[in-house]
Protein backbone atom coordinates (compact mmCIF):
# COMPACT_ATOMS: atom_id res chain seq x y z
CA MET A 1 0.00 0.00 0.00
CA THR A 2 1.28 3.49 -0.79
CA ALA A 3 0.47 6.87 0.67
CA THR A 4 1.47 9.24 -2.09
CA VAL A 5 0.29 12.83 -1.73
CA THR A 6 -1.58 14.22 -4.71
CA GLU A 7 -3.56 17.44 -4.96
CA ALA A 8 -6.77 15.39 -5.11
CA ALA A 9 -5.83 13.46 -1.99
CA VAL A 10 -5.01 16.68 -0.18
CA ALA A 11 -8.38 18.14 -1.12
CA GLU A 12 -10.17 15.05 0.23
CA GLY A 13 -8.16 14.66 3.43
CA ALA A 14 -6.12 17.78 4.04
CA PRO A 15 -3.92 17.74 7.14
CA SER A 16 -5.18 19.60 10.17
CA ASP A 17 -3.77 23.02 10.99
CA GLU A 18 -1.95 21.38 13.90
CA ASP A 19 -0.26 18.81 11.67
CA LEU A 20 0.62 21.28 8.95
CA SER A 21 1.92 23.82 11.48
CA LEU A 22 4.14 21.17 13.03
CA LEU A 23 5.52 20.14 9.63
CA LEU A 24 6.29 23.76 8.76
CA THR A 25 7.75 24.52 12.18
CA ILE A 26 10.20 21.64 11.90
CA ARG A 27 11.19 22.80 8.43
CA ALA A 28 11.67 26.40 9.58
CA PHE A 29 13.76 25.20 12.53
CA GLU A 30 16.04 23.09 10.34
CA GLU A 31 16.51 25.79 7.71
CA ARG A 32 17.33 28.33 10.41
CA LEU A 33 19.93 25.97 11.87
CA LEU A 34 21.74 25.87 8.54
CA ASP A 35 21.60 29.68 8.44
CA LEU A 36 23.11 29.89 11.92
CA PHE A 37 25.93 27.55 10.93
CA GLY A 38 26.58 29.67 7.87
CA GLN A 39 26.89 32.71 10.12
CA GLY A 40 29.42 30.94 12.33
CA MET A 41 27.09 30.97 15.35
CA LEU A 42 27.06 27.21 15.98
CA ASN A 43 29.81 24.72 16.76
CA GLY A 44 30.17 21.01 16.03
CA THR A 45 27.85 19.60 13.43
CA THR A 46 24.18 19.06 12.76
CA HIS A 47 22.14 16.78 10.52
CA THR A 48 18.82 18.21 9.39
CA CYS A 49 15.73 16.21 8.51
CA LEU A 50 14.65 18.47 5.64
CA GLY A 51 12.30 16.46 3.44
CA GLN A 52 11.64 13.85 6.13
CA GLU A 53 9.60 15.98 8.54
CA TYR A 54 6.38 14.13 7.79
CA VAL A 55 7.67 10.81 9.17
CA PRO A 56 7.64 11.68 12.90
CA VAL A 57 4.60 13.93 12.45
CA ALA A 58 2.61 11.04 10.97
CA LEU A 59 3.76 8.61 13.64
CA GLU A 60 3.22 10.91 16.61
CA ALA A 61 -0.54 10.50 16.26
CA LEU A 62 -0.10 6.73 16.72
CA LEU A 63 2.08 7.02 19.82
CA ARG A 64 1.00 7.43 23.43
CA PRO A 65 2.52 9.45 26.29
CA GLU A 66 3.79 6.28 27.96
CA ASP A 67 5.71 5.16 24.86
CA HIS A 68 9.48 5.65 24.60
CA VAL A 69 11.12 7.19 21.53
CA PHE A 70 14.72 6.51 20.48
CA SER A 71 16.26 8.74 17.86
CA ASN A 72 19.50 9.11 15.93
CA HIS A 73 21.89 11.73 14.57
CA ARG A 74 19.17 13.17 12.29
CA GLY A 75 16.70 13.57 15.10
CA HIS A 76 15.53 17.18 15.45
CA GLY A 77 12.20 16.38 13.81
CA HIS A 78 11.71 13.37 16.06
CA TYR A 79 12.26 15.52 19.14
CA LEU A 80 10.08 18.40 17.96
CA ALA A 81 7.22 16.12 16.94
CA ARG A 82 7.34 14.46 20.35
CA HIS A 83 7.98 17.43 22.63
CA ARG A 84 7.09 20.62 20.69
CA ASP A 85 10.10 22.32 22.27
CA PRO A 86 12.16 24.33 19.76
CA GLU A 87 13.39 26.63 22.55
CA GLY A 88 14.96 23.82 24.56
CA LEU A 89 16.41 22.10 21.50
CA LEU A 90 18.01 25.24 20.07
CA ALA A 91 19.38 26.13 23.49
CA GLU A 92 20.91 22.66 23.66
CA ILE A 93 22.50 23.01 20.24
CA MET A 94 23.82 26.49 21.09
CA GLY A 95 24.83 25.65 24.65
CA ARG A 96 22.59 28.30 26.23
CA ARG A 97 20.49 28.55 29.36
CA GLY A 98 17.37 26.40 29.18
CA ALA A 99 19.04 23.64 27.18
CA VAL A 100 17.37 20.23 27.32
CA CYS A 101 20.54 18.53 28.59
CA GLY A 102 22.44 21.52 29.95
CA GLY A 103 24.18 22.07 26.63
CA VAL A 104 26.39 18.98 26.89
CA GLY A 105 24.55 16.85 24.32
CA GLY A 106 24.41 19.25 21.40
CA SER A 107 22.58 18.38 18.23
CA GLN A 108 22.83 14.60 18.37
CA HIS A 109 22.72 13.44 22.00
CA ILE A 110 19.48 14.30 23.76
CA ARG A 111 18.01 12.62 26.80
CA THR A 112 14.77 13.67 28.38
CA GLU A 113 11.68 11.90 29.67
CA ARG A 114 11.02 8.83 27.52
CA TYR A 115 13.25 10.18 24.76
CA LEU A 116 16.85 9.40 23.80
CA SER A 117 18.88 10.29 20.72
CA THR A 118 22.44 9.31 19.89
CA GLY A 119 24.91 9.89 17.10
CA VAL A 120 26.25 6.34 17.37
CA GLN A 121 24.87 4.24 14.51
CA GLY A 122 22.65 1.42 15.73
CA GLU A 123 23.20 2.08 19.43
CA SER A 124 19.57 2.82 20.21
CA LEU A 125 18.18 -0.50 18.98
CA PRO A 126 19.72 -2.78 21.66
CA VAL A 127 18.92 -0.18 24.34
CA ALA A 128 15.34 0.01 23.09
CA CYS A 129 15.06 -3.77 23.39
CA GLY A 130 15.89 -3.51 27.07
CA VAL A 131 13.33 -0.76 27.54
CA ALA A 132 10.74 -2.74 25.56
CA LEU A 133 11.34 -5.77 27.79
CA ARG A 134 10.78 -3.57 30.84
CA LEU A 135 7.61 -2.11 29.31
CA ARG A 136 6.25 -5.56 28.54
CA ARG A 137 6.67 -6.51 32.19
CA VAL A 138 5.49 -3.39 34.00
CA SER A 139 3.58 -1.26 31.46
CA PRO A 140 1.60 -3.54 29.13
CA GLY A 141 0.46 -1.72 26.01
CA ALA A 142 3.37 0.71 25.90
CA LEU A 143 6.03 0.41 23.19
CA ALA A 144 9.54 1.49 22.27
CA CYS A 145 9.79 3.32 18.94
CA VAL A 146 13.25 3.46 17.35
CA TYR A 147 14.20 5.62 14.37
CA VAL A 148 17.08 4.39 12.21
CA GLY A 149 18.34 5.11 8.70
CA ASP A 150 19.07 2.80 5.80
CA GLY A 151 22.81 3.11 6.55
CA THR A 152 22.30 1.66 10.03
CA TRP A 153 21.63 -1.77 8.52
CA GLY A 154 25.36 -2.27 8.24
CA GLU A 155 25.61 -2.46 12.05
CA GLY A 156 25.62 -5.83 13.81
CA GLY A 157 23.66 -4.44 16.75
CA VAL A 158 20.63 -4.09 14.48
CA TYR A 159 20.45 -7.84 13.96
CA GLU A 160 21.12 -8.71 17.58
CA ALA A 161 18.25 -6.41 18.54
CA LEU A 162 15.88 -7.89 15.96
CA ASN A 163 16.75 -11.38 17.14
CA LEU A 164 15.90 -10.51 20.75
CA ALA A 165 12.75 -8.64 19.75
CA ALA A 166 11.45 -11.66 17.85
CA LEU A 167 12.48 -14.23 20.48
CA TRP A 168 11.04 -12.28 23.40
CA ARG A 169 8.06 -10.80 21.51
CA LEU A 170 8.99 -7.29 22.49
CA PRO A 171 6.79 -4.23 21.86
CA LEU A 172 9.40 -2.75 19.53
CA LEU A 173 8.57 -0.48 16.58
CA VAL A 174 11.55 0.03 14.26
CA VAL A 175 11.09 3.00 11.94
CA VAL A 176 13.50 3.08 9.01
CA GLU A 177 13.88 6.41 7.23
CA ASN A 178 15.23 5.09 3.95
CA ASN A 179 16.32 8.20 2.08
CA GLY A 180 18.43 6.20 -0.37
CA ILE A 181 21.80 7.53 0.68
CA ALA A 182 24.08 6.83 3.65
CA GLN A 183 26.08 10.03 4.08
CA SER A 184 27.37 10.08 0.49
CA THR A 185 26.97 6.42 -0.52
CA PRO A 186 23.82 5.36 -2.40
CA THR A 187 22.05 2.59 -0.53
CA GLN A 188 22.16 0.18 -3.47
CA ARG A 189 25.96 0.31 -3.37
CA ALA A 190 26.15 -0.55 0.32
CA MET A 191 23.27 -2.91 1.15
CA ALA A 192 22.52 -6.26 -0.47
CA GLY A 193 18.98 -7.54 -0.41
CA THR A 194 16.12 -5.55 1.10
CA ILE A 195 15.06 -4.27 4.49
CA ALA A 196 11.88 -6.34 4.15
CA GLY A 197 13.96 -9.46 3.57
CA ARG A 198 16.11 -8.77 6.60
CA ALA A 199 13.06 -8.31 8.82
CA ALA A 200 11.55 -11.52 7.41
CA ALA A 201 14.69 -13.46 8.35
CA PHE A 202 13.71 -12.94 11.99
CA GLY A 203 10.00 -13.51 11.41
CA ILE A 204 9.26 -9.82 11.97
CA ALA A 205 6.51 -8.04 10.04
CA HIS A 206 7.43 -5.26 7.63
CA GLU A 207 5.45 -2.32 6.26
CA ARG A 208 6.70 -0.19 3.36
CA VAL A 209 5.39 3.37 3.16
CA VAL A 210 5.79 5.35 -0.05
CA GLY A 211 4.69 8.98 0.01
CA SER A 212 3.82 11.56 2.63
CA ASP A 213 0.04 11.70 2.99
CA LEU A 214 -0.33 11.84 6.78
CA ALA A 215 -3.84 10.41 6.93
CA ALA A 216 -3.02 7.52 4.59
CA ILE A 217 0.15 6.71 6.52
CA ARG A 218 -1.78 6.56 9.77
CA ARG A 219 -4.47 4.34 8.27
CA GLN A 220 -1.84 1.99 6.90
CA LEU A 221 0.21 1.72 10.08
CA ALA A 222 -2.41 1.85 12.84
CA PRO A 223 -3.15 -1.92 12.86
CA GLY A 224 0.54 -2.84 12.92
CA VAL A 225 1.36 -0.37 15.68
CA GLU A 226 -1.50 -1.76 17.73
CA ALA A 227 -0.09 -5.28 17.20
CA VAL A 228 3.31 -4.06 18.44
CA ARG A 229 1.67 -3.11 21.71
CA GLY A 230 0.64 -6.73 22.07
CA GLY A 231 4.17 -8.05 21.53
CA ALA A 232 4.49 -8.32 17.75
CA PRO A 233 7.56 -6.27 16.73
CA LEU A 234 7.33 -4.37 13.46
CA VAL A 235 9.74 -2.79 10.98
CA VAL A 236 8.26 0.18 9.11
CA GLU A 237 10.27 1.38 6.12
CA PHE A 238 9.58 4.89 4.89
CA VAL A 239 10.83 5.48 1.35
CA THR A 240 11.69 9.12 1.85
CA HIS A 241 13.97 11.89 0.60
CA ARG A 242 16.70 13.98 2.20
CA LEU A 243 16.50 17.49 0.79
CA GLY A 244 19.53 18.86 2.59
CA PRO A 245 23.15 17.76 2.89
CA HIS A 246 24.28 14.91 5.11
CA SER A 247 25.33 17.48 7.69
CA LYS A 248 26.07 21.20 7.34
CA GLY A 249 27.12 21.48 3.73
CA ASP A 250 28.66 18.32 2.33
CA ASP A 251 26.10 17.38 -0.34
CA THR A 252 27.87 15.55 -3.16
CA ARG A 253 24.80 14.42 -5.11
CA PRO A 254 24.59 15.45 -8.78
CA ALA A 255 22.23 18.26 -9.77
CA GLY A 256 19.81 15.89 -11.48
CA GLU A 257 19.41 13.79 -8.36
CA LEU A 258 18.85 16.87 -6.20
CA ALA A 259 16.20 18.11 -8.63
CA ARG A 260 14.40 14.74 -8.45
CA VAL A 261 14.47 14.78 -4.66
CA ARG A 262 13.12 18.33 -4.48
CA ALA A 263 10.33 17.48 -6.89
CA ALA A 264 9.18 14.74 -4.50
CA ASP A 265 9.03 17.04 -1.46
CA TRP A 266 5.87 16.82 0.64
CA ARG A 267 5.33 20.60 0.78
CA ALA A 268 4.62 21.24 -2.92
CA PRO A 269 1.26 19.42 -3.24
CA TYR A 270 -0.06 20.95 -0.02
CA ALA A 271 0.96 24.43 -1.17
CA ALA A 272 -0.59 23.86 -4.60
CA ALA A 273 -3.88 22.61 -3.17
CA GLU A 274 -4.25 25.21 -0.41
CA PRO A 275 -1.84 28.08 -1.07
CA GLU A 276 -3.45 30.56 1.29
CA ARG A 277 -3.60 28.20 4.25
CA VAL A 278 -0.04 26.97 3.73
CA ALA A 279 1.23 30.54 3.36
CA ARG A 280 -0.54 31.62 6.55
CA LEU A 281 0.68 28.70 8.63
CA GLU A 282 4.18 28.90 7.18
CA ALA A 283 4.46 32.59 8.02
CA ALA A 284 3.38 31.84 11.58
CA ALA A 285 5.86 28.96 11.88
CA ARG A 286 8.74 31.06 10.59
CA ALA A 287 7.81 33.94 12.88
CA ARG A 288 7.80 31.61 15.84
CA ILE A 289 11.21 30.18 14.98
CA GLU A 290 12.63 33.67 14.46
CA ALA A 291 11.38 34.60 17.93
CA VAL A 292 12.94 31.45 19.36
CA VAL A 293 16.29 32.22 17.72
CA ALA A 294 16.28 35.81 19.00
CA ASP A 295 15.44 34.63 22.50
CA VAL A 296 18.01 31.82 22.66
CA VAL A 297 20.84 33.84 21.08
CA ALA A 298 20.37 36.45 23.80
CA ARG A 299 20.66 33.92 26.64
CA GLU A 300 23.81 33.36 28.64
CA PRO A 301 25.83 30.16 28.11
CA SER A 302 24.65 27.10 29.99
């Protein structure tokens, strides 16, 4: 089943203002981060989720407050969809007062209530298995949701975690953001077989999502997510697109590939179908992020 956005689909089931505002807020946040790096105002590195914002926004509606979310190096959208806290996240990245983790985690390493991100490839999956085992024992119905990329499937910890999840029937939801490129290496040059085949080797169900229609994604995944809560682990593979560079500015893809990726962006059909609403919500999102930046920049170091 696919969930491709078309103008007709948008007209029939347009996203709510809340969903669309969240999508546009995440995009404005990520674009502003790249601006701040360009101005020399940030240190270290950052990996934006431009083009992939819809993945955590779609899934958030299927998650509950008691669920745990595990993220990765490209995790700003995951955090913002879960916690709606651009102030705390930007303060963390800039090392300013009010930072989520006191400014010691930066862009990639965030720990707060029921949320953990890490820049170490594959690290979250084994940890999430332990949390899922705990949830199964003391909080039936809760799950552990883990975001990974297609490049993470080269890590042995992924397969150890899937083995345990299948053996112990853990409430583990593995979300794969397959954007077709691992840093600068196309996925087809680094991974043999398919993600579906690898999940099947452990007897774990797999769902493949193509497109960015939020309502269709939720309809497709709701039964599987509910089954996860009962102890049936699931791998969900989003065929998605990374609009921006791997990190701050190291995009080596040819112009034709970048044009194809931009043409597939989720924003265009929404803007074409409802230009006034998108423009209004986008202006509000950008104004909010500008206010957040001005506030955080003025704060003292953490």
